[in-house]
N, C-alpha and C. Protein backbone atom coordinates (compact mmCIF):
# COMPACT_ATOMS: atom_id res chain seq x y z
N MET A 1 1.00 27.29 -1.25
CA MET A 1 0.87 28.62 -1.95
C MET A 1 0.79 29.65 -1.58
N SER A 2 0.67 30.91 -2.57
CA SER A 2 0.74 31.57 -1.41
C SER A 2 -0.40 32.65 -1.34
N ILE A 3 -0.57 33.83 0.12
CA ILE A 3 -2.12 34.64 -0.26
C ILE A 3 -2.71 35.19 -1.25
N TYR A 4 -1.59 35.67 -2.18
CA TYR A 4 -2.40 36.50 -3.82
C TYR A 4 -2.94 35.22 -4.80
N ASN A 5 -2.39 33.73 -4.65
CA ASN A 5 -2.33 32.50 -5.53
C ASN A 5 -3.91 31.85 -4.96
N LEU A 6 -3.33 32.10 -3.46
CA LEU A 6 -5.15 31.32 -2.58
C LEU A 6 -6.28 32.31 -3.24
N SER A 7 -6.41 33.24 -2.93
CA SER A 7 -7.17 34.30 -3.20
C SER A 7 -7.49 34.47 -4.31
N ALA A 8 -7.00 34.51 -5.22
CA ALA A 8 -6.74 34.71 -7.43
C ALA A 8 -7.60 33.09 -7.79
N GLU A 9 -7.37 31.93 -6.86
CA GLU A 9 -8.16 30.97 -7.19
C GLU A 9 -9.14 30.43 -6.54
N LYS A 10 -9.68 31.44 -5.37
CA LYS A 10 -10.96 31.42 -4.95
C LYS A 10 -11.93 32.31 -5.37
N ILE A 11 -11.09 33.32 -6.37
CA ILE A 11 -11.94 34.11 -6.92
C ILE A 11 -12.67 33.62 -8.70
N LEU A 12 -11.84 32.57 -9.22
CA LEU A 12 -11.81 31.54 -10.05
C LEU A 12 -13.23 31.04 -9.64
N LEU A 13 -12.94 30.42 -8.67
CA LEU A 13 -14.30 29.64 -7.86
C LEU A 13 -15.71 30.26 -8.17
N GLN A 14 -15.43 31.71 -7.44
CA GLN A 14 -16.58 32.24 -7.46
C GLN A 14 -17.12 33.12 -8.81
N LYS A 15 -16.34 32.85 -10.07
CA LYS A 15 -16.52 32.95 -11.16
C LYS A 15 -17.24 31.70 -12.50
N ILE A 16 -16.75 30.52 -11.59
CA ILE A 16 -17.01 29.10 -11.78
C ILE A 16 -18.53 29.41 -11.49
N ALA A 17 -18.56 28.96 -9.98
CA ALA A 17 -19.97 29.73 -9.11
C ALA A 17 -21.67 29.83 -10.29
N GLU A 18 -20.91 30.83 -10.90
CA GLU A 18 -21.92 31.91 -11.53
C GLU A 18 -21.88 31.45 -12.83
N GLY A 19 -20.84 30.26 -13.12
CA GLY A 19 -21.26 29.60 -14.57
C GLY A 19 -20.03 30.07 -15.53
N ASP A 20 -19.33 31.09 -15.30
CA ASP A 20 -18.00 31.36 -16.25
C ASP A 20 -16.95 30.49 -16.34
N GLU A 21 -17.56 29.46 -17.60
CA GLU A 21 -16.41 28.39 -18.47
C GLU A 21 -15.64 29.10 -18.37
N PHE A 22 -15.07 30.26 -18.72
CA PHE A 22 -13.44 29.93 -19.27
C PHE A 22 -12.54 30.25 -18.00
N ALA A 23 -13.05 30.39 -16.70
CA ALA A 23 -13.13 30.26 -15.31
C ALA A 23 -12.65 28.96 -14.91
N PHE A 24 -13.88 27.59 -15.43
CA PHE A 24 -13.65 26.56 -15.47
C PHE A 24 -12.65 26.37 -16.27
N LYS A 25 -12.24 26.45 -17.43
CA LYS A 25 -11.18 26.05 -17.89
C LYS A 25 -9.69 26.29 -17.31
N HIS A 26 -9.38 27.72 -16.78
CA HIS A 26 -8.32 28.39 -16.31
C HIS A 26 -7.94 27.27 -15.47
N VAL A 27 -9.10 26.75 -14.53
CA VAL A 27 -9.12 25.61 -13.03
C VAL A 27 -8.39 24.41 -13.91
N PHE A 28 -9.21 23.75 -14.69
CA PHE A 28 -8.82 22.49 -15.44
C PHE A 28 -7.32 22.86 -16.08
N GLU A 29 -6.94 23.79 -16.74
CA GLU A 29 -5.43 23.66 -17.29
C GLU A 29 -4.76 23.52 -16.37
N LEU A 30 -4.65 24.45 -15.27
CA LEU A 30 -4.17 24.67 -13.90
C LEU A 30 -3.81 23.72 -12.69
N TYR A 31 -5.00 21.93 -12.96
CA TYR A 31 -4.97 21.74 -12.09
C TYR A 31 -4.50 19.81 -13.09
N LYS A 32 -4.56 20.16 -14.16
CA LYS A 32 -5.05 18.38 -15.01
C LYS A 32 -4.10 17.92 -15.30
N SER A 33 -2.66 18.29 -14.95
CA SER A 33 -1.52 17.84 -14.53
C SER A 33 -0.88 17.04 -13.34
N ARG A 34 -1.14 17.89 -12.31
CA ARG A 34 -1.17 17.47 -11.00
C ARG A 34 -1.79 16.11 -10.56
N VAL A 35 -3.05 16.35 -10.94
CA VAL A 35 -3.85 15.65 -10.40
C VAL A 35 -3.87 14.41 -11.32
N TYR A 36 -3.66 14.07 -13.06
CA TYR A 36 -3.74 12.90 -13.52
C TYR A 36 -2.24 12.42 -13.25
N SER A 37 -0.79 12.94 -12.17
CA SER A 37 -0.18 12.37 -11.92
C SER A 37 0.10 11.70 -10.84
N PHE A 38 -1.05 12.50 -9.78
CA PHE A 38 -1.38 11.76 -9.08
C PHE A 38 -2.18 10.66 -9.14
N VAL A 39 -2.98 10.60 -9.88
CA VAL A 39 -3.50 9.82 -9.99
C VAL A 39 -3.43 8.05 -10.48
N VAL A 40 -2.76 8.16 -11.64
CA VAL A 40 -2.30 7.37 -12.63
C VAL A 40 -0.92 6.49 -11.81
N LYS A 41 -0.58 7.03 -10.70
CA LYS A 41 0.45 6.54 -9.54
C LYS A 41 -0.02 5.04 -9.03
N PHE A 42 -1.70 5.00 -8.89
CA PHE A 42 -2.59 4.62 -7.97
C PHE A 42 -3.06 3.36 -9.04
N VAL A 43 -3.55 4.19 -10.16
CA VAL A 43 -4.79 3.09 -11.24
C VAL A 43 -4.34 2.38 -12.10
N HIS A 44 -2.62 2.81 -12.53
CA HIS A 44 -1.74 2.10 -13.11
C HIS A 44 -2.58 2.21 -14.65
N SER A 45 -3.62 2.78 -15.55
CA SER A 45 -3.71 2.39 -16.31
C SER A 45 -3.74 4.01 -16.52
N LYS A 46 -3.18 4.76 -17.94
CA LYS A 46 -3.91 5.82 -18.88
C LYS A 46 -4.98 6.31 -18.61
N ALA A 47 -5.35 5.77 -19.45
CA ALA A 47 -6.88 5.90 -19.65
C ALA A 47 -7.86 6.45 -18.93
N ASP A 48 -8.22 5.59 -17.35
CA ASP A 48 -8.59 5.56 -16.14
C ASP A 48 -8.41 6.16 -15.93
N ALA A 49 -7.25 6.54 -15.31
CA ALA A 49 -6.61 7.82 -14.91
C ALA A 49 -7.09 9.52 -15.33
N GLU A 50 -7.02 9.10 -17.06
CA GLU A 50 -7.76 10.40 -17.50
C GLU A 50 -9.05 11.00 -17.07
N GLU A 51 -9.86 9.51 -17.09
CA GLU A 51 -11.36 9.81 -17.06
C GLU A 51 -11.82 9.93 -15.59
N ILE A 52 -10.99 9.31 -14.52
CA ILE A 52 -11.21 9.90 -13.07
C ILE A 52 -10.71 11.73 -12.91
N VAL A 53 -9.63 11.66 -13.87
CA VAL A 53 -9.66 13.29 -13.85
C VAL A 53 -10.18 14.05 -14.45
N GLN A 54 -11.53 13.93 -15.64
CA GLN A 54 -12.16 14.39 -15.90
C GLN A 54 -13.52 14.13 -15.40
N ASP A 55 -13.68 13.00 -14.59
CA ASP A 55 -14.69 13.13 -13.79
C ASP A 55 -14.70 14.19 -12.69
N THR A 56 -13.58 13.72 -12.75
CA THR A 56 -13.18 14.68 -10.90
C THR A 56 -13.65 16.49 -11.40
N PHE A 57 -13.15 17.04 -12.60
CA PHE A 57 -14.15 18.27 -13.05
C PHE A 57 -15.09 17.94 -14.06
N PHE A 58 -16.00 17.42 -14.50
CA PHE A 58 -17.40 17.23 -13.88
C PHE A 58 -18.38 17.65 -12.91
N THR A 59 -17.81 16.57 -11.55
CA THR A 59 -18.17 16.71 -10.53
C THR A 59 -17.92 18.31 -9.84
N ILE A 60 -16.65 19.09 -10.03
CA ILE A 60 -16.94 20.60 -9.97
C ILE A 60 -17.67 21.47 -10.63
N TRP A 61 -17.87 20.98 -11.73
CA TRP A 61 -18.37 22.25 -12.36
C TRP A 61 -20.09 21.43 -12.20
N GLN A 62 -20.54 20.54 -11.83
CA GLN A 62 -21.76 19.84 -10.97
C GLN A 62 -22.49 20.33 -10.04
N LYS A 63 -21.18 20.86 -9.04
CA LYS A 63 -21.72 21.30 -7.61
C LYS A 63 -21.20 22.80 -7.80
N ARG A 64 -21.14 23.71 -8.46
CA ARG A 64 -20.58 25.14 -9.10
C ARG A 64 -20.91 25.61 -7.66
N ASP A 65 -22.13 25.45 -7.27
CA ASP A 65 -23.26 26.43 -6.70
C ASP A 65 -22.65 26.43 -5.27
N THR A 66 -21.80 25.32 -4.84
CA THR A 66 -21.21 25.03 -3.85
C THR A 66 -19.63 25.45 -3.68
N LEU A 67 -19.10 26.12 -4.62
CA LEU A 67 -17.70 26.37 -4.79
C LEU A 67 -17.62 27.77 -4.22
N PRO A 68 -17.82 29.27 -3.80
CA PRO A 68 -17.69 30.22 -3.41
C PRO A 68 -17.60 29.93 -1.35
N ASN A 69 -18.06 28.47 -0.95
CA ASN A 69 -17.49 28.61 0.07
C ASN A 69 -16.32 27.76 0.82
N ILE A 70 -15.69 27.81 -0.30
CA ILE A 70 -14.32 26.71 -0.38
C ILE A 70 -13.85 27.77 0.34
N GLU A 71 -12.60 27.49 0.69
CA GLU A 71 -11.83 28.54 1.69
C GLU A 71 -10.32 28.32 1.26
N HIS A 72 -10.35 26.05 0.87
CA HIS A 72 -9.02 26.02 0.10
C HIS A 72 -9.02 25.55 -1.51
N PRO A 73 -9.05 25.74 -2.64
CA PRO A 73 -9.53 25.48 -3.27
C PRO A 73 -8.41 24.12 -4.19
N ARG A 74 -7.63 23.81 -3.41
CA ARG A 74 -6.31 22.89 -4.14
C ARG A 74 -6.83 21.46 -3.46
N ASN A 75 -7.13 21.50 -1.86
CA ASN A 75 -7.73 20.94 -0.83
C ASN A 75 -8.75 20.55 -1.23
N TYR A 76 -9.69 21.43 -1.81
CA TYR A 76 -10.99 20.79 -2.40
C TYR A 76 -10.67 19.95 -4.30
N ILE A 77 -10.29 20.43 -4.61
CA ILE A 77 -9.76 19.24 -5.85
C ILE A 77 -9.42 18.31 -5.34
N TYR A 78 -8.15 18.03 -4.54
CA TYR A 78 -7.66 16.81 -4.11
C TYR A 78 -8.44 16.12 -2.98
N THR A 79 -9.55 16.37 -2.78
CA THR A 79 -10.30 15.72 -2.19
C THR A 79 -11.21 14.97 -2.54
N ILE A 80 -11.36 16.23 -3.84
CA ILE A 80 -12.28 15.33 -4.98
C ILE A 80 -11.88 13.87 -5.58
N VAL A 81 -10.42 14.34 -5.92
CA VAL A 81 -10.08 13.29 -7.04
C VAL A 81 -9.52 11.75 -5.95
N ARG A 82 -8.65 12.64 -4.89
CA ARG A 82 -8.96 11.31 -3.84
C ARG A 82 -9.57 10.49 -3.59
N ASN A 83 -10.83 10.47 -3.24
CA ASN A 83 -12.16 9.89 -3.19
C ASN A 83 -12.10 9.09 -4.19
N LYS A 84 -12.34 10.00 -5.85
CA LYS A 84 -12.93 9.12 -6.99
C LYS A 84 -11.61 7.53 -7.17
N THR A 85 -10.50 8.47 -6.56
CA THR A 85 -9.24 7.05 -7.19
C THR A 85 -9.74 5.83 -6.07
N TYR A 86 -9.88 6.43 -4.80
CA TYR A 86 -10.35 5.37 -3.99
C TYR A 86 -10.95 4.51 -4.00
N ASN A 87 -12.39 5.05 -4.92
CA ASN A 87 -13.80 4.14 -5.34
C ASN A 87 -13.08 3.20 -6.86
N TYR A 88 -12.54 3.84 -7.26
CA TYR A 88 -11.88 2.76 -8.86
C TYR A 88 -10.90 1.83 -7.73
N LEU A 89 -10.59 1.72 -7.44
CA LEU A 89 -9.44 0.83 -6.94
C LEU A 89 -10.62 -0.08 -5.76
N ASN A 90 -11.87 0.28 -4.86
CA ASN A 90 -11.67 -0.47 -4.78
C ASN A 90 -13.36 -1.24 -5.27
N GLN A 91 -13.05 -0.58 -6.62
CA GLN A 91 -14.55 -1.36 -7.61
C GLN A 91 -13.66 -2.36 -8.01
N ALA A 92 -12.00 -1.55 -8.54
CA ALA A 92 -11.11 -2.84 -8.95
C ALA A 92 -11.25 -4.36 -8.49
N SER A 93 -10.94 -4.06 -6.75
CA SER A 93 -10.82 -4.97 -6.12
C SER A 93 -11.81 -6.36 -5.81
N LYS A 94 -13.03 -5.79 -6.30
CA LYS A 94 -14.31 -6.65 -7.10
C LYS A 94 -14.49 -7.32 -8.49
N ASN A 95 -13.32 -6.81 -9.18
CA ASN A 95 -13.82 -7.33 -10.55
C ASN A 95 -12.88 -7.35 -11.01
N GLN A 96 -12.71 -8.81 -11.39
CA GLN A 96 -11.57 -9.55 -12.11
C GLN A 96 -11.36 -8.52 -13.41
N LYS A 97 -12.28 -8.12 -14.17
CA LYS A 97 -11.73 -8.28 -15.33
C LYS A 97 -10.92 -6.99 -15.21
N ILE A 98 -11.65 -5.86 -14.51
CA ILE A 98 -10.68 -4.72 -14.34
C ILE A 98 -8.79 -4.58 -13.29
N LEU A 99 -9.23 -6.13 -12.82
CA LEU A 99 -8.33 -6.41 -12.18
C LEU A 99 -7.21 -7.02 -12.95
N ALA A 100 -7.07 -7.72 -14.02
CA ALA A 100 -7.10 -8.07 -15.08
C ALA A 100 -6.30 -7.33 -15.67
N GLN A 101 -6.52 -6.03 -15.84
CA GLN A 101 -6.16 -5.20 -16.56
C GLN A 101 -5.15 -3.94 -16.18
N ILE A 102 -5.48 -3.78 -14.77
CA ILE A 102 -4.42 -3.17 -13.59
C ILE A 102 -3.18 -4.04 -13.75
N TRP A 103 -3.47 -5.28 -13.76
CA TRP A 103 -1.81 -5.77 -13.32
C TRP A 103 -0.93 -6.11 -14.92
N ALA A 104 -2.60 -5.73 -16.03
CA ALA A 104 -1.30 -5.71 -17.57
C ALA A 104 -1.00 -4.55 -17.76
N ASN A 105 -1.43 -3.27 -16.98
CA ASN A 105 -0.41 -2.35 -17.00
C ASN A 105 0.72 -2.22 -15.98
N MET A 106 0.78 -2.37 -15.32
CA MET A 106 1.74 -2.72 -14.29
C MET A 106 3.31 -3.79 -14.43
N GLN A 107 2.94 -4.81 -15.43
CA GLN A 107 3.58 -5.65 -16.13
C GLN A 107 4.59 -4.63 -17.01
N VAL A 108 5.97 -5.27 -17.23
CA VAL A 108 7.24 -4.45 -17.88
C VAL A 108 7.13 -5.05 -19.17
N GLU A 109 7.81 -4.34 -20.36
CA GLU A 109 8.04 -5.46 -21.77
C GLU A 109 8.40 -6.56 -21.05
N GLY A 110 8.25 -7.62 -21.49
CA GLY A 110 9.29 -9.14 -21.76
C GLY A 110 8.20 -10.20 -20.55
N ASN A 111 7.15 -9.39 -20.21
CA ASN A 111 6.66 -10.25 -19.35
C ASN A 111 6.90 -11.03 -18.06
N ASN A 112 8.16 -10.68 -17.01
CA ASN A 112 9.34 -11.09 -16.43
C ASN A 112 7.70 -11.12 -15.24
N ILE A 113 7.92 -12.11 -14.70
CA ILE A 113 7.00 -12.07 -13.51
C ILE A 113 8.00 -11.45 -12.03
N GLU A 114 9.04 -11.47 -12.29
CA GLU A 114 9.54 -10.52 -10.81
C GLU A 114 10.28 -9.38 -11.34
N ASP A 115 10.19 -8.48 -12.32
CA ASP A 115 9.76 -7.24 -12.96
C ASP A 115 8.40 -6.47 -12.46
N LEU A 116 8.26 -5.74 -10.99
CA LEU A 116 6.76 -4.81 -11.15
C LEU A 116 7.35 -3.24 -10.78
N THR A 117 6.70 -2.67 -12.20
CA THR A 117 7.75 -1.42 -11.39
C THR A 117 6.75 -0.42 -10.58
N ASN A 118 7.49 0.65 -9.75
CA ASN A 118 7.15 0.47 -8.64
C ASN A 118 7.07 0.19 -7.18
N PHE A 119 7.46 -1.08 -7.38
CA PHE A 119 6.61 -1.37 -6.06
C PHE A 119 8.39 -2.50 -5.90
N LYS A 120 8.67 -1.86 -4.59
CA LYS A 120 9.64 -3.25 -3.99
C LYS A 120 9.36 -3.69 -3.35
N ASP A 121 8.13 -4.13 -3.05
CA ASP A 121 7.67 -5.35 -2.11
C ASP A 121 7.64 -6.12 -3.18
N SER A 122 7.91 -6.66 -4.83
CA SER A 122 7.17 -7.93 -5.51
C SER A 122 8.68 -8.73 -5.06
N GLU A 123 9.65 -8.51 -4.75
CA GLU A 123 10.11 -10.07 -4.69
C GLU A 123 9.82 -10.84 -3.06
N LEU A 124 9.42 -10.22 -2.47
CA LEU A 124 8.69 -10.33 -1.10
C LEU A 124 7.27 -11.26 -1.58
N LEU A 125 6.69 -10.38 -2.19
CA LEU A 125 5.26 -11.14 -2.43
C LEU A 125 5.53 -12.39 -3.41
N ILE A 126 5.90 -12.44 -4.73
CA ILE A 126 6.39 -14.01 -4.98
C ILE A 126 6.94 -14.66 -4.04
N LYS A 127 7.60 -14.45 -3.06
CA LYS A 127 8.09 -15.29 -1.94
C LYS A 127 7.02 -16.23 -1.29
N GLN A 128 6.09 -15.18 -0.52
CA GLN A 128 5.26 -15.07 0.04
C GLN A 128 3.90 -16.16 -0.85
N GLY A 129 3.86 -16.23 -2.55
CA GLY A 129 3.04 -16.56 -3.06
C GLY A 129 3.92 -17.97 -3.33
N LEU A 130 4.38 -18.58 -3.63
CA LEU A 130 5.42 -19.93 -3.30
C LEU A 130 4.42 -20.60 -1.87
N GLN A 131 4.78 -19.75 -1.15
CA GLN A 131 5.09 -20.54 0.10
C GLN A 131 3.55 -21.09 0.14
N ASN A 132 2.90 -20.84 -0.61
CA ASN A 132 1.21 -21.56 -0.02
C ASN A 132 1.07 -22.65 -1.34
N LEU A 133 2.37 -22.54 -2.07
CA LEU A 133 2.09 -23.46 -3.33
C LEU A 133 2.85 -25.35 -2.85
N PRO A 134 2.45 -26.34 -3.82
CA PRO A 134 3.13 -27.62 -2.79
C PRO A 134 4.69 -27.29 -2.90
N GLN A 135 5.79 -28.15 -1.98
CA GLN A 135 6.78 -28.35 -2.48
C GLN A 135 7.47 -28.76 -3.45
N GLN A 136 7.39 -29.36 -4.24
CA GLN A 136 7.65 -29.65 -5.42
C GLN A 136 7.16 -28.62 -6.88
N LYS A 137 6.43 -28.07 -6.89
CA LYS A 137 6.44 -26.40 -7.92
C LYS A 137 7.05 -26.13 -7.31
N GLN A 138 6.99 -25.39 -5.40
CA GLN A 138 8.24 -24.25 -5.00
C GLN A 138 9.72 -24.97 -5.29
N GLN A 139 10.22 -26.01 -5.29
CA GLN A 139 11.66 -26.26 -5.77
C GLN A 139 11.66 -26.30 -7.35
N ILE A 140 10.50 -26.72 -7.79
CA ILE A 140 10.67 -26.73 -9.40
C ILE A 140 11.14 -25.16 -10.24
N PHE A 141 9.78 -23.93 -9.53
CA PHE A 141 10.14 -22.76 -9.34
C PHE A 141 11.66 -22.48 -9.68
N LYS A 142 11.97 -22.44 -8.22
CA LYS A 142 13.20 -21.97 -7.76
C LYS A 142 14.42 -22.37 -8.74
N MET A 143 14.55 -23.88 -9.15
CA MET A 143 15.69 -24.75 -9.63
C MET A 143 15.35 -24.43 -11.17
N SER A 144 14.33 -23.40 -11.83
CA SER A 144 14.26 -22.64 -12.66
C SER A 144 14.76 -21.10 -12.91
N ARG A 145 14.15 -20.44 -11.85
CA ARG A 145 14.61 -18.85 -11.39
C ARG A 145 15.74 -18.82 -10.94
N GLU A 146 16.34 -19.23 -10.05
CA GLU A 146 16.95 -19.08 -9.30
C GLU A 146 18.44 -19.84 -9.57
N GLU A 147 18.10 -20.92 -9.85
CA GLU A 147 19.31 -21.76 -10.28
C GLU A 147 19.93 -21.45 -11.90
N GLY A 148 18.41 -20.88 -12.68
CA GLY A 148 19.04 -21.43 -14.10
C GLY A 148 18.73 -22.70 -14.57
N LEU A 149 18.34 -23.25 -14.20
CA LEU A 149 18.15 -24.43 -14.90
C LEU A 149 17.50 -24.92 -15.95
N SER A 150 17.83 -25.71 -16.97
CA SER A 150 17.00 -26.14 -18.14
C SER A 150 15.43 -27.03 -17.76
N HIS A 151 14.53 -26.98 -18.65
CA HIS A 151 13.77 -27.92 -18.35
C HIS A 151 14.24 -29.10 -18.15
N GLU A 152 14.95 -29.72 -19.22
CA GLU A 152 15.70 -30.86 -18.95
C GLU A 152 16.40 -31.05 -17.92
N GLU A 153 16.86 -30.12 -17.33
CA GLU A 153 17.85 -30.27 -15.77
C GLU A 153 17.34 -31.22 -15.05
N ILE A 154 15.99 -29.92 -15.13
CA ILE A 154 14.95 -30.08 -13.63
C ILE A 154 14.37 -31.43 -13.97
N ALA A 155 14.15 -32.23 -15.04
CA ALA A 155 13.22 -33.58 -14.96
C ALA A 155 14.48 -34.24 -14.60
N ALA A 156 15.30 -34.49 -15.49
CA ALA A 156 16.40 -35.16 -14.67
C ALA A 156 16.51 -35.06 -13.28
N GLN A 157 16.44 -34.76 -12.36
CA GLN A 157 16.94 -34.18 -11.26
C GLN A 157 15.88 -34.26 -10.31
N ILE A 158 14.55 -34.36 -10.67
CA ILE A 158 13.06 -34.40 -10.40
C ILE A 158 12.97 -35.84 -10.21
N GLY A 159 13.11 -36.23 -11.53
CA GLY A 159 12.63 -37.86 -12.08
C GLY A 159 10.80 -37.55 -13.21
N LEU A 160 11.01 -36.06 -13.29
CA LEU A 160 9.71 -35.44 -14.07
C LEU A 160 9.74 -36.20 -15.42
N SER A 161 8.77 -35.62 -16.26
CA SER A 161 9.39 -35.30 -17.64
C SER A 161 9.61 -34.56 -18.25
N LYS A 162 10.15 -33.98 -18.71
CA LYS A 162 10.35 -32.32 -19.16
C LYS A 162 9.66 -31.68 -19.65
N SER A 163 8.30 -31.78 -20.74
CA SER A 163 6.97 -31.57 -20.41
C SER A 163 6.31 -31.06 -19.28
N ARG A 164 5.73 -31.88 -18.24
CA ARG A 164 5.92 -32.03 -16.87
C ARG A 164 6.36 -30.67 -16.18
N VAL A 165 7.44 -30.40 -16.33
CA VAL A 165 8.15 -29.58 -15.56
C VAL A 165 8.31 -28.91 -16.13
N LYS A 166 8.05 -28.15 -17.30
CA LYS A 166 7.29 -27.06 -17.89
C LYS A 166 6.11 -26.61 -18.02
N ASN A 167 4.89 -27.70 -17.58
CA ASN A 167 3.52 -27.67 -17.16
C ASN A 167 3.73 -26.86 -16.14
N ILE A 168 4.34 -27.16 -14.99
CA ILE A 168 4.21 -27.15 -13.52
C ILE A 168 4.86 -25.57 -13.47
N ILE A 169 5.99 -24.96 -13.95
CA ILE A 169 6.24 -23.88 -14.27
C ILE A 169 5.32 -22.81 -15.04
N VAL A 170 4.61 -22.99 -15.95
CA VAL A 170 3.89 -22.24 -16.48
C VAL A 170 2.31 -22.30 -15.31
N GLU A 171 1.93 -22.90 -14.62
CA GLU A 171 0.65 -22.64 -13.65
C GLU A 171 1.12 -22.41 -12.55
N THR A 172 2.70 -22.52 -11.84
CA THR A 172 2.99 -21.59 -11.42
C THR A 172 3.41 -20.34 -11.20
N LEU A 173 4.13 -19.73 -12.61
CA LEU A 173 3.88 -18.70 -13.26
C LEU A 173 2.17 -17.83 -12.81
N LYS A 174 1.65 -18.83 -13.50
CA LYS A 174 -0.20 -18.32 -13.81
C LYS A 174 -0.20 -17.88 -12.28
N TYR A 175 -0.52 -18.73 -11.25
CA TYR A 175 -0.71 -18.23 -10.12
C TYR A 175 0.21 -17.52 -9.18
N LEU A 176 1.35 -17.46 -9.75
CA LEU A 176 2.16 -15.73 -8.99
C LEU A 176 1.13 -14.83 -9.01
N ARG A 177 0.99 -14.67 -10.72
CA ARG A 177 0.52 -13.74 -11.46
C ARG A 177 -0.88 -12.89 -10.64
N HIS A 178 -1.06 -14.04 -10.53
CA HIS A 178 -2.72 -13.86 -9.84
C HIS A 178 -2.36 -13.24 -8.75
N HIS A 179 -1.68 -13.97 -8.22
CA HIS A 179 -1.12 -13.60 -6.63
C HIS A 179 -0.73 -12.18 -6.77
N LEU A 180 0.08 -11.67 -7.35
CA LEU A 180 0.62 -10.23 -7.52
C LEU A 180 -0.51 -8.98 -7.64
N SER A 181 -1.50 -9.83 -8.72
CA SER A 181 -1.90 -8.62 -8.96
C SER A 181 -2.87 -8.54 -8.10
N ILE A 182 -3.66 -9.54 -6.68
CA ILE A 182 -4.11 -9.20 -5.56
C ILE A 182 -3.73 -8.61 -4.78
N ASN A 183 -2.68 -8.65 -4.45
CA ASN A 183 -1.56 -8.47 -3.72
C ASN A 183 -1.17 -6.51 -3.72
N THR A 184 -0.66 -6.71 -5.37
CA THR A 184 -0.63 -5.19 -5.13
C THR A 184 -1.22 -4.19 -5.88
N LEU A 185 -3.34 -5.00 -5.72
CA LEU A 185 -3.30 -3.43 -5.75
C LEU A 185 -4.06 -3.29 -4.16
N LYS A 186 -4.02 -4.30 -3.34
CA LYS A 186 -3.72 -4.51 -1.64
C LYS A 186 -3.17 -2.65 -1.57
N ILE A 187 -1.84 -2.80 -2.18
CA ILE A 187 -0.71 -1.85 -1.81
C ILE A 187 -1.39 -0.82 -2.23
N SER A 188 -1.45 -0.70 -3.54
CA SER A 188 -2.09 0.64 -4.07
C SER A 188 -3.12 1.27 -3.02
N ILE A 189 -4.42 0.45 -2.60
CA ILE A 189 -5.29 0.94 -1.48
C ILE A 189 -4.76 1.38 -0.49
N SER A 190 -3.47 1.18 -0.22
CA SER A 190 -3.14 0.90 1.15
C SER A 190 -2.64 2.35 1.35
N ALA A 191 -1.63 2.36 0.20
CA ALA A 191 -0.73 3.69 0.40
C ALA A 191 -1.62 4.41 -0.04
N LEU A 192 -3.12 4.75 -1.31
CA LEU A 192 -3.74 5.76 -1.30
C LEU A 192 -4.39 6.16 0.07
N LEU A 193 -4.67 5.09 0.96
CA LEU A 193 -5.31 5.44 2.42
C LEU A 193 -4.55 5.98 3.33
N THR A 194 -3.14 5.71 3.62
CA THR A 194 -1.85 6.05 4.27
C THR A 194 -2.31 8.10 3.88
N TYR A 195 -2.84 8.05 2.36
CA TYR A 195 -2.34 9.55 2.14
C TYR A 195 -3.10 10.03 2.66
N LEU A 196 -4.61 9.40 2.72
CA LEU A 196 -6.08 10.39 2.93
C LEU A 196 -5.74 11.11 4.64
N PHE A 197 -4.97 9.51 4.91
CA PHE A 197 -4.68 10.09 6.68
C PHE A 197 -4.14 11.42 6.86
N SER A 198 -3.22 11.44 6.00
CA SER A 198 -1.38 11.98 6.22
C SER A 198 -2.71 13.47 5.51
N GLN A 199 -3.49 13.18 4.78
CA GLN A 199 -4.08 14.97 4.44
C GLN A 199 -4.75 15.77 5.20
N SER A 200 -5.26 14.74 6.02
CA SER A 200 -6.39 14.96 6.73
C SER A 200 -6.46 15.68 8.00
């Protein structure tokens, strides 16, 4: 940020502190897209990201009497939004409903368990999840996904009924989705914490 822009934004904060709604709207328009882009990378929900952005600027307006003391407006705004994003993720990790929604938002069309957008760690997480399952479930899942065998072919090789093989694959996918939803959220929190510390 240039000295001119820094000075201009400090003047805007001073005007906001005085109750100038036009100045507040100007700062909102200046930062809303950048702040939204930051938040949505972590929460994986457009609606929740928009809510966090709105809450961020609501907080700025509520605490406008402190704005004249702010030396770096951009840092101040991002500190608020980082804290609110972290609080959201922290609450989500304790709330199965929110956790499930985050997972749903992260899935690509087709509901393929192997395809996690924005997470290169997905393959490793799947392998880790499989290791927690009984050997038979691991074997059947690998035969289906890695070898491309049909339920009937797997049933013939394993000595189980076709319906039982299908049920095992469904159970395995359900478990892996749960495993991924928890661990990808941990990755989001970890990434955000890394960002927080890098900015401190």
